[in-house]
Amino acid sequence: MKRMAFLLTVFLVFGAFSAWAGEGQERTDEVGVLREQIKALKEENVKLAKQVRQLQELCRKAGIALPKPTTGTGPASPEAPKAETYMYLGKPRSKLWFEGMYREFKDKVACVDGEYVDVGKLGEMLTEGKVLQVIDKEQLLIYPFGSREPVHVKGVDTKGLVDGAHVRAKLICVGTYRYTAVIGGIKTIQSYTVYTSLTKEQFAEALASGFKLVRYKEVGHVTREGNKIVTSIREIPVQ
């Protein structure tokens, strides 16, 4: 009799454990599905944000004024206003911090084709040159001052420019460009784009999108022989 009671107890415990294990597996599966859905939503949000930035850039070039974003449609709260904060690396930052970072980095971050990029990683900045050839209303080839090799420039208003004219702009290297030379043959040259300092709204959007600010510091190293100093660039992320 005791043996039968013991076996019955074991059977009930085993059944309860199996049911609990089954429920645990179901919860694990549900968590996995939710994680995949969150990942997909984040990727879609990044794509939509890039499209919005591209449209904003087109409006800016066309001279179309955009309304400032609002925080809500309801009446103002009678409560005391909260301190203005900005998100960076998932943490709220003060307005004082934001203003300091904006002054330091507004010319070191560019919006290229709707995407925020680090100017320090894109290549040398050119400021002046002489027109070699006007391609269309936004593209041309120039000779940078001090160089015999032409470069391609896009995003500049070429209206009224002629061969040999002097141009001045803030440019960053974004890749290469291929064209047919006068003497024949295809040449591949560096391609630059014009960029302007970010507005505070753009800078805040760049930070909120996950863009990481980086400082670059030149560091000198003495060789093992001790007769030569080699310099390198050290990246210091802003935390």
Foldseek 3Di string as FASTA:
>chain_A
DVVVVVVVVVVVVVVVVVVVVVVVVVVVVVVVVVVVVVVVVLVVVLVVQLVVLLVVVVCVVVVHDDDDDDPDDDDDDPDDDDFDWFAFPRDTDHPVVLVVVLVVCLVQWWQDSSDIDGLVPQDDKAFKFFFAADDDQFKGWTAGPPGPDIEIEGRDGCPPPDGGDMGGATKTWDAWDWDADPVGDIDIHTYIYGTDGDDSVVVRVCRVSHNWDKDKDKDWDADPVRPDIDIDIDIDIDD
